[in-house]
Amino acid sequence: MSEVLAGRADDLGDVVKTGRTHLMDAMPITMAQELNGWRAQIDKGAMRLKSVLPRLLQLAQGGTAVGTGINARPEFGAAVARHLAEHTKLAFVPSDNFFEALSCQDTAVELSGQLKVLGVSLMKISNDLRWMNSGPLAGLREIALPALQPGSSIMPGKVNPVVPSPSR
C-alpha cells in the first residue's frame, strides 16, 4: 500500500485540492501531500508492528508452570525456540524472564494496540477517500473512484465505489 501511495503521489504531484480541517475548507494542498500523509501513516503502522516482533518472539516454554523451570531440562526452552525458528524462519528465542512471560500478556496487548492503530489509520484513509469521492451532485467529487457495487435496492442505478483501484 505504501508503494502504491508513493506512485500515485508521484503521478498527482501537481494536482492542487482543497485542504480541510473539521470538514471545512482550509489552505490548498496537493494530492501528493495528502497521499504522502497517508503513506506516512501506513509506514509508521508497519514500523510499530515490526517493533513489537522481538518481544513477540520471546517464548515462555521452559519456564514451566510459574517460571522456575522446575521439572524441565535447562535446555528445553532453547530447544523449543530453535525448533520453531527452523520450521517457521522466525527468530524465536526463550524469554529472558520466564516469570514475566508466564504471568502477563503485555506483549499480546501491545500487538493488539498496534493493530488497532493501523486499523484506525486505514479507516481514516478510507473515510478521506469517501469524502473526496462523495456526490455526484451535492458532494465534494474531487476524485472519482470506480463504481463497483450496487448501492441501493430503492435507488436503481446507484453504485458505490467500495474498493479504490490503484490503476485508476
N, C-alpha and C. Protein backbone atom coordinates (compact mmCIF):
# COMPACT_ATOMS: atom_id res chain seq x y z
N MET A 1 0.83 -1.19 0.00
CA MET A 1 0.00 0.00 0.00
C MET A 1 0.87 1.25 0.00
N SER A 2 1.95 1.20 0.76
CA SER A 2 2.86 2.33 0.82
C SER A 2 3.43 2.64 -0.57
N GLU A 3 3.82 1.60 -1.28
CA GLU A 3 4.40 1.80 -2.62
C GLU A 3 3.36 2.36 -3.59
N VAL A 4 2.14 1.88 -3.51
CA VAL A 4 1.07 2.38 -4.38
C VAL A 4 0.81 3.86 -4.08
N LEU A 5 0.74 4.21 -2.81
CA LEU A 5 0.53 5.62 -2.44
C LEU A 5 1.67 6.49 -2.93
N ALA A 6 2.91 6.00 -2.83
CA ALA A 6 4.05 6.77 -3.32
C ALA A 6 3.96 6.97 -4.84
N GLY A 7 3.58 5.93 -5.54
CA GLY A 7 3.43 6.04 -7.00
C GLY A 7 2.34 7.02 -7.40
N ARG A 8 1.21 6.94 -6.72
CA ARG A 8 0.11 7.88 -7.02
C ARG A 8 0.50 9.30 -6.66
N ALA A 9 1.26 9.48 -5.58
CA ALA A 9 1.73 10.82 -5.20
C ALA A 9 2.63 11.38 -6.29
N ASP A 10 3.49 10.54 -6.85
CA ASP A 10 4.34 10.99 -7.96
C ASP A 10 3.50 11.39 -9.17
N ASP A 11 2.48 10.58 -9.46
CA ASP A 11 1.60 10.85 -10.62
C ASP A 11 0.79 12.13 -10.44
N LEU A 12 0.40 12.43 -9.21
CA LEU A 12 -0.54 13.53 -8.96
C LEU A 12 0.11 14.70 -8.21
N GLY A 13 1.42 14.81 -8.31
CA GLY A 13 2.15 15.82 -7.56
C GLY A 13 1.73 17.25 -7.81
N ASP A 14 1.25 17.55 -9.00
CA ASP A 14 0.89 18.94 -9.33
C ASP A 14 -0.59 19.23 -9.16
N VAL A 15 -1.38 18.24 -8.78
CA VAL A 15 -2.82 18.44 -8.65
C VAL A 15 -3.10 19.12 -7.29
N VAL A 16 -3.67 20.32 -7.37
CA VAL A 16 -3.99 21.08 -6.16
C VAL A 16 -5.45 20.82 -5.79
N LYS A 17 -5.70 20.67 -4.50
CA LYS A 17 -7.04 20.43 -4.00
C LYS A 17 -7.24 21.25 -2.73
N THR A 18 -8.45 21.28 -2.26
CA THR A 18 -8.75 21.99 -1.03
C THR A 18 -8.32 21.15 0.16
N GLY A 19 -7.56 21.75 1.05
CA GLY A 19 -7.27 21.12 2.32
C GLY A 19 -8.45 21.34 3.24
N ARG A 20 -8.60 20.48 4.24
CA ARG A 20 -9.74 20.63 5.15
C ARG A 20 -9.31 20.38 6.58
N THR A 21 -9.95 21.11 7.47
CA THR A 21 -9.89 20.80 8.90
C THR A 21 -11.32 20.79 9.40
N HIS A 22 -11.68 19.74 10.13
CA HIS A 22 -13.05 19.58 10.64
C HIS A 22 -14.08 19.66 9.52
N LEU A 23 -13.73 19.11 8.34
CA LEU A 23 -14.56 19.09 7.15
C LEU A 23 -14.84 20.49 6.57
N MET A 24 -14.10 21.46 7.02
CA MET A 24 -14.26 22.83 6.49
C MET A 24 -13.05 23.14 5.61
N ASP A 25 -13.32 23.90 4.52
CA ASP A 25 -12.24 24.27 3.61
C ASP A 25 -11.13 25.00 4.36
N ALA A 26 -9.90 24.68 3.99
CA ALA A 26 -8.73 25.32 4.59
C ALA A 26 -7.74 25.65 3.48
N MET A 27 -6.49 25.70 3.78
CA MET A 27 -5.46 26.05 2.79
C MET A 27 -5.38 24.99 1.69
N PRO A 28 -5.07 25.39 0.48
CA PRO A 28 -4.89 24.41 -0.59
C PRO A 28 -3.69 23.50 -0.30
N ILE A 29 -3.82 22.27 -0.73
CA ILE A 29 -2.73 21.30 -0.65
C ILE A 29 -2.68 20.56 -1.97
N THR A 30 -1.64 19.78 -2.17
CA THR A 30 -1.59 18.95 -3.37
C THR A 30 -2.05 17.53 -3.01
N MET A 31 -2.49 16.83 -4.02
CA MET A 31 -2.85 15.42 -3.81
C MET A 31 -1.63 14.66 -3.30
N ALA A 32 -0.44 15.03 -3.78
CA ALA A 32 0.78 14.36 -3.33
C ALA A 32 0.97 14.53 -1.83
N GLN A 33 0.69 15.72 -1.32
CA GLN A 33 0.84 15.94 0.11
C GLN A 33 -0.13 15.05 0.90
N GLU A 34 -1.35 14.96 0.43
CA GLU A 34 -2.32 14.11 1.12
C GLU A 34 -1.93 12.64 1.03
N LEU A 35 -1.57 12.21 -0.16
CA LEU A 35 -1.18 10.81 -0.35
C LEU A 35 0.07 10.46 0.46
N ASN A 36 1.02 11.38 0.53
CA ASN A 36 2.22 11.11 1.32
C ASN A 36 1.92 11.12 2.81
N GLY A 37 0.92 11.88 3.24
CA GLY A 37 0.48 11.80 4.63
C GLY A 37 -0.08 10.43 4.95
N TRP A 38 -0.90 9.91 4.04
CA TRP A 38 -1.45 8.56 4.23
C TRP A 38 -0.31 7.54 4.24
N ARG A 39 0.64 7.72 3.32
CA ARG A 39 1.77 6.79 3.24
C ARG A 39 2.53 6.78 4.57
N ALA A 40 2.73 7.95 5.16
CA ALA A 40 3.43 8.01 6.44
C ALA A 40 2.65 7.25 7.51
N GLN A 41 1.33 7.35 7.50
CA GLN A 41 0.52 6.59 8.46
C GLN A 41 0.76 5.09 8.29
N ILE A 42 0.74 4.63 7.06
CA ILE A 42 0.94 3.20 6.78
C ILE A 42 2.35 2.77 7.17
N ASP A 43 3.34 3.57 6.81
CA ASP A 43 4.73 3.23 7.13
C ASP A 43 4.95 3.19 8.64
N LYS A 44 4.39 4.16 9.35
CA LYS A 44 4.56 4.16 10.81
C LYS A 44 3.82 2.99 11.45
N GLY A 45 2.67 2.61 10.89
CA GLY A 45 1.97 1.42 11.38
C GLY A 45 2.82 0.17 11.20
N ALA A 46 3.47 0.06 10.05
CA ALA A 46 4.34 -1.09 9.79
C ALA A 46 5.52 -1.09 10.76
N MET A 47 6.09 0.09 11.01
CA MET A 47 7.20 0.18 11.96
C MET A 47 6.76 -0.22 13.37
N ARG A 48 5.55 0.19 13.75
CA ARG A 48 5.04 -0.18 15.07
C ARG A 48 4.91 -1.70 15.19
N LEU A 49 4.37 -2.32 14.14
CA LEU A 49 4.22 -3.78 14.17
C LEU A 49 5.58 -4.47 14.22
N LYS A 50 6.53 -3.98 13.46
CA LYS A 50 7.87 -4.58 13.47
C LYS A 50 8.55 -4.40 14.82
N SER A 51 8.27 -3.30 15.49
CA SER A 51 8.93 -3.03 16.77
C SER A 51 8.49 -4.00 17.87
N VAL A 52 7.30 -4.56 17.76
CA VAL A 52 6.82 -5.50 18.78
C VAL A 52 7.35 -6.92 18.53
N LEU A 53 7.83 -7.19 17.32
CA LEU A 53 8.24 -8.54 16.96
C LEU A 53 9.30 -9.15 17.89
N PRO A 54 10.35 -8.43 18.26
CA PRO A 54 11.34 -9.07 19.15
C PRO A 54 10.73 -9.56 20.47
N ARG A 55 9.78 -8.83 21.02
CA ARG A 55 9.14 -9.26 22.26
C ARG A 55 8.16 -10.40 22.00
N LEU A 56 7.52 -10.37 20.85
CA LEU A 56 6.56 -11.42 20.50
C LEU A 56 7.26 -12.76 20.27
N LEU A 57 8.51 -12.72 19.85
CA LEU A 57 9.25 -13.95 19.55
C LEU A 57 9.91 -14.57 20.78
N GLN A 58 9.77 -13.93 21.95
CA GLN A 58 10.31 -14.50 23.19
C GLN A 58 9.29 -15.48 23.76
N LEU A 59 9.69 -16.72 23.88
CA LEU A 59 8.78 -17.78 24.29
C LEU A 59 8.90 -18.11 25.77
N ALA A 60 7.77 -18.46 26.38
CA ALA A 60 7.74 -18.85 27.79
C ALA A 60 8.07 -20.33 27.99
N GLN A 61 8.15 -21.11 26.90
CA GLN A 61 8.43 -22.55 27.03
C GLN A 61 9.77 -22.74 27.74
N GLY A 62 9.75 -23.58 28.74
CA GLY A 62 10.93 -23.84 29.55
C GLY A 62 10.77 -23.28 30.94
N GLY A 63 9.84 -22.36 31.11
CA GLY A 63 9.59 -21.79 32.43
C GLY A 63 8.66 -22.64 33.26
N THR A 64 8.04 -23.61 32.65
CA THR A 64 7.02 -24.49 33.23
C THR A 64 5.89 -23.67 33.84
N ALA A 65 5.29 -24.11 34.91
CA ALA A 65 4.04 -23.51 35.38
C ALA A 65 4.17 -22.09 35.90
N VAL A 66 5.20 -21.78 36.66
CA VAL A 66 5.28 -20.46 37.29
C VAL A 66 6.52 -19.66 36.91
N GLY A 67 7.41 -20.23 36.13
CA GLY A 67 8.59 -19.50 35.70
C GLY A 67 9.89 -20.03 36.26
N THR A 68 9.83 -20.99 37.14
CA THR A 68 11.06 -21.51 37.76
C THR A 68 11.78 -22.51 36.88
N GLY A 69 11.08 -23.12 35.94
CA GLY A 69 11.67 -24.15 35.11
C GLY A 69 11.75 -25.51 35.79
N ILE A 70 11.10 -25.64 36.92
CA ILE A 70 11.14 -26.90 37.66
C ILE A 70 10.58 -28.03 36.81
N ASN A 71 11.19 -29.17 36.88
CA ASN A 71 10.81 -30.38 36.16
C ASN A 71 11.03 -30.29 34.65
N ALA A 72 11.77 -29.30 34.20
CA ALA A 72 12.13 -29.21 32.78
C ALA A 72 13.64 -29.18 32.67
N ARG A 73 14.16 -29.79 31.67
CA ARG A 73 15.61 -29.72 31.45
C ARG A 73 15.99 -28.27 31.14
N PRO A 74 17.12 -27.83 31.59
CA PRO A 74 17.54 -26.44 31.38
C PRO A 74 17.59 -26.02 29.91
N GLU A 75 17.86 -26.95 29.03
CA GLU A 75 17.97 -26.63 27.59
C GLU A 75 16.62 -26.71 26.85
N PHE A 76 15.55 -27.06 27.56
CA PHE A 76 14.25 -27.27 26.91
C PHE A 76 13.75 -26.01 26.17
N GLY A 77 13.74 -24.86 26.83
CA GLY A 77 13.23 -23.64 26.21
C GLY A 77 14.00 -23.27 24.96
N ALA A 78 15.31 -23.37 25.03
CA ALA A 78 16.14 -23.05 23.87
C ALA A 78 15.90 -24.04 22.73
N ALA A 79 15.70 -25.32 23.07
CA ALA A 79 15.44 -26.33 22.04
C ALA A 79 14.10 -26.07 21.34
N VAL A 80 13.08 -25.72 22.11
CA VAL A 80 11.77 -25.41 21.53
C VAL A 80 11.90 -24.20 20.60
N ALA A 81 12.55 -23.15 21.08
CA ALA A 81 12.71 -21.94 20.27
C ALA A 81 13.48 -22.24 18.98
N ARG A 82 14.54 -23.01 19.09
CA ARG A 82 15.36 -23.36 17.92
C ARG A 82 14.53 -24.17 16.91
N HIS A 83 13.78 -25.15 17.41
CA HIS A 83 12.95 -26.00 16.54
C HIS A 83 11.89 -25.15 15.81
N LEU A 84 11.20 -24.27 16.54
CA LEU A 84 10.20 -23.41 15.92
C LEU A 84 10.84 -22.45 14.91
N ALA A 85 11.98 -21.91 15.26
CA ALA A 85 12.68 -20.98 14.35
C ALA A 85 13.05 -21.68 13.05
N GLU A 86 13.53 -22.90 13.14
CA GLU A 86 13.90 -23.66 11.93
C GLU A 86 12.69 -23.88 11.03
N HIS A 87 11.56 -24.19 11.62
CA HIS A 87 10.37 -24.52 10.84
C HIS A 87 9.61 -23.29 10.35
N THR A 88 9.70 -22.19 11.06
CA THR A 88 8.93 -21.00 10.68
C THR A 88 9.77 -19.91 10.04
N LYS A 89 11.10 -20.02 10.17
CA LYS A 89 12.03 -18.97 9.70
C LYS A 89 11.84 -17.67 10.47
N LEU A 90 11.30 -17.75 11.68
CA LEU A 90 11.18 -16.60 12.58
C LEU A 90 12.18 -16.79 13.72
N ALA A 91 12.71 -15.70 14.22
CA ALA A 91 13.80 -15.75 15.20
C ALA A 91 13.29 -15.95 16.63
N PHE A 92 12.61 -17.07 16.87
CA PHE A 92 12.14 -17.37 18.21
C PHE A 92 13.32 -17.59 19.16
N VAL A 93 13.16 -17.12 20.39
CA VAL A 93 14.17 -17.29 21.44
C VAL A 93 13.43 -17.55 22.75
N PRO A 94 14.13 -18.17 23.71
CA PRO A 94 13.50 -18.29 25.03
C PRO A 94 13.37 -16.91 25.66
N SER A 95 12.36 -16.74 26.45
CA SER A 95 12.18 -15.47 27.15
C SER A 95 13.38 -15.19 28.05
N ASP A 96 13.69 -13.92 28.22
CA ASP A 96 14.77 -13.56 29.13
C ASP A 96 14.28 -13.53 30.58
N ASN A 97 12.96 -13.68 30.77
CA ASN A 97 12.40 -13.74 32.13
C ASN A 97 11.11 -14.55 32.08
N PHE A 98 11.21 -15.81 32.48
CA PHE A 98 10.05 -16.70 32.41
C PHE A 98 8.94 -16.25 33.35
N PHE A 99 9.28 -15.63 34.47
CA PHE A 99 8.24 -15.17 35.40
C PHE A 99 7.35 -14.13 34.71
N GLU A 100 7.96 -13.19 34.04
CA GLU A 100 7.19 -12.17 33.31
C GLU A 100 6.42 -12.80 32.16
N ALA A 101 7.07 -13.66 31.41
CA ALA A 101 6.45 -14.26 30.22
C ALA A 101 5.21 -15.09 30.57
N LEU A 102 5.24 -15.73 31.70
CA LEU A 102 4.13 -16.59 32.10
C LEU A 102 3.03 -15.85 32.88
N SER A 103 3.35 -14.71 33.44
CA SER A 103 2.39 -14.08 34.34
C SER A 103 1.61 -12.93 33.73
N CYS A 104 1.88 -12.59 32.49
CA CYS A 104 1.14 -11.47 31.89
C CYS A 104 1.00 -11.66 30.38
N GLN A 105 0.22 -10.81 29.79
CA GLN A 105 0.01 -10.82 28.34
C GLN A 105 0.36 -9.45 27.75
N ASP A 106 1.36 -8.79 28.35
CA ASP A 106 1.70 -7.43 27.94
C ASP A 106 2.05 -7.33 26.45
N THR A 107 2.79 -8.29 25.93
CA THR A 107 3.18 -8.22 24.52
C THR A 107 1.99 -8.44 23.61
N ALA A 108 1.09 -9.34 23.97
CA ALA A 108 -0.12 -9.53 23.17
C ALA A 108 -0.98 -8.27 23.19
N VAL A 109 -1.04 -7.61 24.33
CA VAL A 109 -1.80 -6.36 24.44
C VAL A 109 -1.13 -5.27 23.59
N GLU A 110 0.20 -5.23 23.63
CA GLU A 110 0.93 -4.27 22.80
C GLU A 110 0.65 -4.51 21.32
N LEU A 111 0.72 -5.76 20.88
CA LEU A 111 0.43 -6.09 19.49
C LEU A 111 -0.99 -5.70 19.13
N SER A 112 -1.93 -6.00 19.99
CA SER A 112 -3.32 -5.63 19.75
C SER A 112 -3.45 -4.12 19.57
N GLY A 113 -2.78 -3.38 20.42
CA GLY A 113 -2.82 -1.92 20.31
C GLY A 113 -2.24 -1.42 19.00
N GLN A 114 -1.14 -2.02 18.57
CA GLN A 114 -0.51 -1.59 17.31
C GLN A 114 -1.41 -1.95 16.12
N LEU A 115 -2.06 -3.10 16.18
CA LEU A 115 -3.00 -3.46 15.11
C LEU A 115 -4.20 -2.51 15.10
N LYS A 116 -4.63 -2.09 16.27
CA LYS A 116 -5.74 -1.14 16.34
C LYS A 116 -5.34 0.20 15.75
N VAL A 117 -4.12 0.67 16.02
CA VAL A 117 -3.63 1.92 15.44
C VAL A 117 -3.65 1.82 13.91
N LEU A 118 -3.16 0.71 13.38
CA LEU A 118 -3.15 0.53 11.94
C LEU A 118 -4.57 0.49 11.39
N GLY A 119 -5.47 -0.19 12.08
CA GLY A 119 -6.87 -0.24 11.65
C GLY A 119 -7.51 1.14 11.62
N VAL A 120 -7.22 1.95 12.63
CA VAL A 120 -7.76 3.31 12.67
C VAL A 120 -7.18 4.14 11.52
N SER A 121 -5.92 3.96 11.22
CA SER A 121 -5.31 4.67 10.09
C SER A 121 -5.99 4.29 8.78
N LEU A 122 -6.22 3.00 8.59
CA LEU A 122 -6.87 2.55 7.36
C LEU A 122 -8.30 3.08 7.26
N MET A 123 -9.00 3.14 8.38
CA MET A 123 -10.36 3.69 8.39
C MET A 123 -10.33 5.18 8.05
N LYS A 124 -9.37 5.90 8.58
CA LYS A 124 -9.25 7.32 8.30
C LYS A 124 -8.99 7.55 6.80
N ILE A 125 -8.08 6.78 6.23
CA ILE A 125 -7.78 6.91 4.80
C ILE A 125 -9.03 6.59 3.98
N SER A 126 -9.73 5.53 4.35
CA SER A 126 -10.95 5.15 3.63
C SER A 126 -12.00 6.26 3.71
N ASN A 127 -12.16 6.83 4.89
CA ASN A 127 -13.14 7.92 5.03
C ASN A 127 -12.73 9.16 4.23
N ASP A 128 -11.44 9.47 4.21
CA ASP A 128 -10.98 10.59 3.38
C ASP A 128 -11.33 10.35 1.91
N LEU A 129 -11.10 9.13 1.45
CA LEU A 129 -11.42 8.80 0.06
C LEU A 129 -12.92 8.91 -0.19
N ARG A 130 -13.72 8.43 0.75
CA ARG A 130 -15.18 8.53 0.57
C ARG A 130 -15.63 9.98 0.50
N TRP A 131 -15.10 10.84 1.37
CA TRP A 131 -15.47 12.26 1.33
C TRP A 131 -15.06 12.88 0.00
N MET A 132 -13.85 12.61 -0.45
CA MET A 132 -13.38 13.22 -1.71
C MET A 132 -14.18 12.72 -2.90
N ASN A 133 -14.72 11.51 -2.81
CA ASN A 133 -15.48 10.93 -3.91
C ASN A 133 -16.98 11.20 -3.78
N SER A 134 -17.42 11.81 -2.69
CA SER A 134 -18.86 11.96 -2.45
C SER A 134 -19.53 12.77 -3.55
N GLY A 135 -20.77 12.45 -3.79
CA GLY A 135 -21.53 13.12 -4.84
C GLY A 135 -22.47 12.14 -5.51
N PRO A 136 -22.73 12.30 -6.76
CA PRO A 136 -22.06 13.19 -7.69
C PRO A 136 -22.63 14.61 -7.75
N LEU A 137 -23.80 14.85 -7.24
CA LEU A 137 -24.41 16.17 -7.40
C LEU A 137 -24.11 17.11 -6.24
N ALA A 138 -24.20 16.63 -5.01
CA ALA A 138 -24.09 17.53 -3.88
C ALA A 138 -22.88 17.24 -3.00
N GLY A 139 -21.93 16.46 -3.48
CA GLY A 139 -20.76 16.11 -2.67
C GLY A 139 -19.52 16.85 -3.13
N LEU A 140 -18.40 16.42 -2.64
CA LEU A 140 -17.13 17.07 -2.97
C LEU A 140 -16.67 16.74 -4.38
N ARG A 141 -16.77 15.49 -4.76
CA ARG A 141 -16.43 14.99 -6.10
C ARG A 141 -15.05 15.46 -6.58
N GLU A 142 -14.07 15.45 -5.66
CA GLU A 142 -12.70 15.81 -6.02
C GLU A 142 -11.99 14.70 -6.77
N ILE A 143 -12.39 13.47 -6.47
CA ILE A 143 -11.83 12.31 -7.15
C ILE A 143 -12.98 11.45 -7.63
N ALA A 144 -12.68 10.51 -8.50
CA ALA A 144 -13.69 9.57 -8.98
C ALA A 144 -13.16 8.15 -8.78
N LEU A 145 -13.72 7.47 -7.80
CA LEU A 145 -13.37 6.07 -7.59
C LEU A 145 -14.26 5.21 -8.47
N PRO A 146 -13.77 4.05 -8.92
CA PRO A 146 -14.59 3.21 -9.78
C PRO A 146 -15.83 2.70 -9.06
N ALA A 147 -16.94 2.72 -9.76
CA ALA A 147 -18.20 2.20 -9.21
C ALA A 147 -18.17 0.68 -9.31
N LEU A 148 -18.24 0.01 -8.17
CA LEU A 148 -18.03 -1.43 -8.17
C LEU A 148 -19.15 -2.26 -7.57
N GLN A 149 -20.05 -1.65 -6.80
CA GLN A 149 -21.02 -2.44 -6.06
C GLN A 149 -22.39 -1.76 -6.12
N PRO A 150 -23.43 -2.53 -6.48
CA PRO A 150 -24.77 -1.94 -6.42
C PRO A 150 -25.01 -1.37 -5.03
N GLY A 151 -25.56 -0.15 -4.97
CA GLY A 151 -25.63 0.53 -3.69
C GLY A 151 -26.99 0.65 -3.06
N SER A 152 -28.07 0.33 -3.78
CA SER A 152 -29.37 0.56 -3.17
C SER A 152 -30.43 -0.27 -3.85
N SER A 153 -31.34 -0.81 -3.06
CA SER A 153 -32.47 -1.54 -3.62
C SER A 153 -33.61 -0.58 -3.97
N ILE A 154 -33.57 0.66 -3.45
CA ILE A 154 -34.65 1.61 -3.72
C ILE A 154 -34.22 2.74 -4.67
N MET A 155 -32.93 2.78 -5.03
CA MET A 155 -32.44 3.79 -5.97
C MET A 155 -31.78 3.07 -7.14
N PRO A 156 -32.56 2.68 -8.14
CA PRO A 156 -32.00 1.94 -9.27
C PRO A 156 -30.85 2.71 -9.91
N GLY A 157 -29.78 1.99 -10.22
CA GLY A 157 -28.64 2.60 -10.88
C GLY A 157 -27.59 3.15 -9.94
N LYS A 158 -27.90 3.29 -8.66
CA LYS A 158 -26.91 3.79 -7.71
C LYS A 158 -25.86 2.71 -7.50
N VAL A 159 -24.60 3.10 -7.63
CA VAL A 159 -23.50 2.17 -7.47
C VAL A 159 -22.47 2.81 -6.54
N ASN A 160 -21.95 2.02 -5.61
CA ASN A 160 -20.98 2.53 -4.64
C ASN A 160 -19.55 2.17 -5.02
N PRO A 161 -18.62 3.09 -4.81
CA PRO A 161 -17.19 2.78 -5.01
C PRO A 161 -16.63 2.21 -3.73
N VAL A 162 -16.54 0.89 -3.63
CA VAL A 162 -16.17 0.28 -2.38
C VAL A 162 -14.70 -0.11 -2.28
N VAL A 163 -14.02 -0.22 -3.40
CA VAL A 163 -12.62 -0.62 -3.39
C VAL A 163 -11.83 0.34 -4.27
N PRO A 164 -11.01 1.19 -3.68
CA PRO A 164 -10.18 2.07 -4.51
C PRO A 164 -9.23 1.25 -5.37
N SER A 165 -9.11 1.60 -6.60
CA SER A 165 -8.25 0.87 -7.53
C SER A 165 -6.98 1.67 -7.78
N PRO A 166 -5.80 1.06 -7.58
CA PRO A 166 -4.56 1.81 -7.80
C PRO A 166 -4.32 2.13 -9.26
N SER A 167 -5.01 1.48 -10.18
CA SER A 167 -4.76 1.70 -11.59
C SER A 167 -5.62 2.82 -12.16
N ARG A 168 -6.49 3.43 -11.36
CA ARG A 168 -7.36 4.48 -11.91
C ARG A 168 -7.07 5.81 -11.28
